[in-house]
Structure formats: structure tokens, C-alpha cells
Amino acid sequence: MGLTLDPSIAGDMTLYAKTLLGATATYIFALRRGFKGATEFLQTMFPDRPAVFYDRMDFLLVSVIGSMIGFLFYAPQTSAQALAAGLGWVSAINVALKK
């Protein structure tokens, strides 16, 4: 009696993983261009924490939660669309937060 996974769920998980990959890659490259992500928000909500706390929480918020939002908002049906959803999410936030 083995554990089986519905093929549609497995497909969605694969597409989400590709969305996460796109969001993570864009997040990493955006940091080199001065992207601050959610750091200011986190410093306000959780004052007096070590810098590594803000770095890790920012990564989780922008990459993981952002890729979930991108996946739900864009509803990708192919691998290319999933990757673009992840890339697009972080890029859109980066542009929106520019001063």
C-alpha cells in the first residue's frame, strides 16, 4: 500500500518549484542592485534584532511568499510561465519600491 500523489497536485508542485526558482534568482540578482525588499518593514515590526534575522526573514518573505503570490496571481500552466511568474514577481516589487 504505497502513497500516491494526484498527478495534478504533483504538476502544480513542480510549477510552483519553478516559480520559486525564478523568484529566488531574481531576489539574489536584485540585491546586487540595492534591492532592500522587506527589510525596513521588518526592522519596524521587529526592532533590535540581529542583521542576520532581517536578512533571513526578508529572503523568506520576498522569495517564498512572493513566489506563492506570483504563482496564484499568474496561474502558470507551463514551465516557462512558472519561471516568468517568479521572475516577474520580484521584478515588479523592485520597481514598485524604487524611490
C-alpha atoms as a PDB file:
ATOM      1  CA  MET A   1       0.000   0.000   0.000  1.00  0.00           C
ATOM      2  CA  GLY A   2       2.010   2.929  -1.295  1.00  0.00           C
ATOM      3  CA  LEU A   3       1.462   6.618  -1.005  1.00  0.00           C
ATOM      4  CA  THR A   4       0.294   8.102  -4.292  1.00  0.00           C
ATOM      5  CA  LEU A   5       0.036  11.742  -5.230  1.00  0.00           C
ATOM      6  CA  ASP A   6      -2.613  13.122  -7.537  1.00  0.00           C
ATOM      7  CA  PRO A   7      -0.836  13.959 -10.823  1.00  0.00           C
ATOM      8  CA  SER A   8      -2.426  17.412 -10.946  1.00  0.00           C
ATOM      9  CA  ILE A   9      -1.046  18.235  -7.489  1.00  0.00           C
ATOM     10  CA  ALA A  10       2.386  16.925  -8.451  1.00  0.00           C
ATOM     11  CA  GLY A  11       2.280  19.083 -11.577  1.00  0.00           C
ATOM     12  CA  ASP A  12       1.272  22.147  -9.558  1.00  0.00           C
ATOM     13  CA  MET A  13       4.094  21.488  -7.091  1.00  0.00           C
ATOM     14  CA  THR A  14       6.582  21.251  -9.964  1.00  0.00           C
ATOM     15  CA  LEU A  15       5.317  24.514 -11.452  1.00  0.00           C
ATOM     16  CA  TYR A  16       5.452  26.187  -8.031  1.00  0.00           C
ATOM     17  CA  ALA A  17       9.049  24.994  -7.558  1.00  0.00           C
ATOM     18  CA  LYS A  18       9.931  26.680 -10.862  1.00  0.00           C
ATOM     19  CA  THR A  19       8.167  29.862  -9.737  1.00  0.00           C
ATOM     20  CA  LEU A  20      10.185  29.742  -6.510  1.00  0.00           C
ATOM     21  CA  LEU A  21      13.373  29.278  -8.535  1.00  0.00           C
ATOM     22  CA  GLY A  22      12.597  32.379 -10.599  1.00  0.00           C
ATOM     23  CA  ALA A  23      11.746  34.456  -7.535  1.00  0.00           C
ATOM     24  CA  THR A  24      14.888  33.357  -5.700  1.00  0.00           C
ATOM     25  CA  ALA A  25      17.157  34.037  -8.661  1.00  0.00           C
ATOM     26  CA  THR A  26      15.694  37.496  -9.210  1.00  0.00           C
ATOM     27  CA  TYR A  27      15.920  38.264  -5.484  1.00  0.00           C
ATOM     28  CA  ILE A  28      19.628  37.352  -5.430  1.00  0.00           C
ATOM     29  CA  PHE A  29      20.438  39.430  -8.510  1.00  0.00           C
ATOM     30  CA  ALA A  30      18.303  42.356  -7.286  1.00  0.00           C
ATOM     31  CA  LEU A  31      20.317  42.512  -4.045  1.00  0.00           C
ATOM     32  CA  ARG A  32      23.372  43.475  -6.097  1.00  0.00           C
ATOM     33  CA  ARG A  33      21.440  46.471  -7.414  1.00  0.00           C
ATOM     34  CA  GLY A  34      20.414  47.741  -3.974  1.00  0.00           C
ATOM     35  CA  PHE A  35      17.068  45.970  -3.569  1.00  0.00           C
ATOM     36  CA  LYS A  36      16.019  46.283   0.090  1.00  0.00           C
ATOM     37  CA  GLY A  37      12.979  44.009  -0.020  1.00  0.00           C
ATOM     38  CA  ALA A  38      11.027  43.973   3.229  1.00  0.00           C
ATOM     39  CA  THR A  39      13.978  44.911   5.459  1.00  0.00           C
ATOM     40  CA  GLU A  40      12.639  48.320   6.537  1.00  0.00           C
ATOM     41  CA  PHE A  41       9.235  46.799   7.334  1.00  0.00           C
ATOM     42  CA  LEU A  42      10.866  44.005   9.328  1.00  0.00           C
ATOM     43  CA  GLN A  43      13.035  46.442  11.281  1.00  0.00           C
ATOM     44  CA  THR A  44       9.923  48.377  12.245  1.00  0.00           C
ATOM     45  CA  MET A  45       7.922  45.286  13.188  1.00  0.00           C
ATOM     46  CA  PHE A  46      10.784  43.504  14.988  1.00  0.00           C
ATOM     47  CA  PRO A  47      13.185  46.134  16.354  1.00  0.00           C
ATOM     48  CA  ASP A  48      16.587  45.391  17.860  1.00  0.00           C
ATOM     49  CA  ARG A  49      17.186  42.059  16.154  1.00  0.00           C
ATOM     50  CA  PRO A  50      20.498  40.951  14.662  1.00  0.00           C
ATOM     51  CA  ALA A  51      21.092  41.813  11.000  1.00  0.00           C
ATOM     52  CA  VAL A  52      21.034  38.120  10.052  1.00  0.00           C
ATOM     53  CA  PHE A  53      17.425  37.916  11.315  1.00  0.00           C
ATOM     54  CA  TYR A  54      16.368  40.644   8.881  1.00  0.00           C
ATOM     55  CA  ASP A  55      18.301  39.063   6.021  1.00  0.00           C
ATOM     56  CA  ARG A  56      16.732  35.649   6.520  1.00  0.00           C
ATOM     57  CA  MET A  57      13.208  36.926   7.091  1.00  0.00           C
ATOM     58  CA  ASP A  58      13.494  39.188   4.050  1.00  0.00           C
ATOM     59  CA  PHE A  59      14.545  36.228   1.922  1.00  0.00           C
ATOM     60  CA  LEU A  60      11.593  34.176   3.166  1.00  0.00           C
ATOM     61  CA  LEU A  61       9.076  36.957   2.663  1.00  0.00           C
ATOM     62  CA  VAL A  62      10.211  38.017  -0.780  1.00  0.00           C
ATOM     63  CA  SER A  63      11.165  34.644  -2.252  1.00  0.00           C
ATOM     64  CA  VAL A  64       8.823  32.136  -0.652  1.00  0.00           C
ATOM     65  CA  ILE A  65       5.719  34.214  -0.023  1.00  0.00           C
ATOM     66  CA  GLY A  66       6.359  36.272  -3.156  1.00  0.00           C
ATOM     67  CA  SER A  67       6.568  33.166  -5.298  1.00  0.00           C
ATOM     68  CA  MET A  68       3.278  31.959  -3.812  1.00  0.00           C
ATOM     69  CA  ILE A  69       1.641  35.258  -4.728  1.00  0.00           C
ATOM     70  CA  GLY A  70       3.188  35.162  -8.214  1.00  0.00           C
ATOM     71  CA  PHE A  71       2.044  31.564  -8.672  1.00  0.00           C
ATOM     72  CA  LEU A  72      -1.524  32.353  -7.635  1.00  0.00           C
ATOM     73  CA  PHE A  73      -1.707  35.666  -9.497  1.00  0.00           C
ATOM     74  CA  TYR A  74      -0.249  34.463 -12.812  1.00  0.00           C
ATOM     75  CA  ALA A  75      -1.543  30.847 -12.637  1.00  0.00           C
ATOM     76  CA  PRO A  76       1.244  29.424 -14.834  1.00  0.00           C
ATOM     77  CA  GLN A  77       0.447  26.419 -16.987  1.00  0.00           C
ATOM     78  CA  THR A  78       3.923  25.720 -18.390  1.00  0.00           C
ATOM     79  CA  SER A  79       7.452  25.663 -17.001  1.00  0.00           C
ATOM     80  CA  ALA A  80       8.344  28.871 -18.839  1.00  0.00           C
ATOM     81  CA  GLN A  81       5.282  30.641 -17.458  1.00  0.00           C
ATOM     82  CA  ALA A  82       6.106  29.451 -13.933  1.00  0.00           C
ATOM     83  CA  LEU A  83       9.662  30.731 -14.165  1.00  0.00           C
ATOM     84  CA  ALA A  84       8.417  34.039 -15.577  1.00  0.00           C
ATOM     85  CA  ALA A  85       5.901  34.342 -12.728  1.00  0.00           C
ATOM     86  CA  GLY A  86       8.723  34.094 -10.193  1.00  0.00           C
ATOM     87  CA  LEU A  87      10.983  36.448 -12.115  1.00  0.00           C
ATOM     88  CA  GLY A  88       8.147  38.899 -12.649  1.00  0.00           C
ATOM     89  CA  TRP A  89       7.015  38.994  -9.031  1.00  0.00           C
ATOM     90  CA  VAL A  90      10.319  40.156  -7.565  1.00  0.00           C
ATOM     91  CA  SER A  91      10.966  42.478 -10.507  1.00  0.00           C
ATOM     92  CA  ALA A  92       7.552  44.116 -10.090  1.00  0.00           C
ATOM     93  CA  ILE A  93       8.112  44.660  -6.363  1.00  0.00           C
ATOM     94  CA  ASN A  94      11.597  46.000  -7.043  1.00  0.00           C
ATOM     95  CA  VAL A  95      10.216  48.575  -9.495  1.00  0.00           C
ATOM     96  CA  ALA A  96       7.275  49.479  -7.242  1.00  0.00           C
ATOM     97  CA  LEU A  97       9.527  50.152  -4.242  1.00  0.00           C
ATOM     98  CA  LYS A  98      12.082  52.279  -6.099  1.00  0.00           C
ATOM     99  CA  LYS A  99      12.178  55.835  -4.787  1.00  0.00           C
END
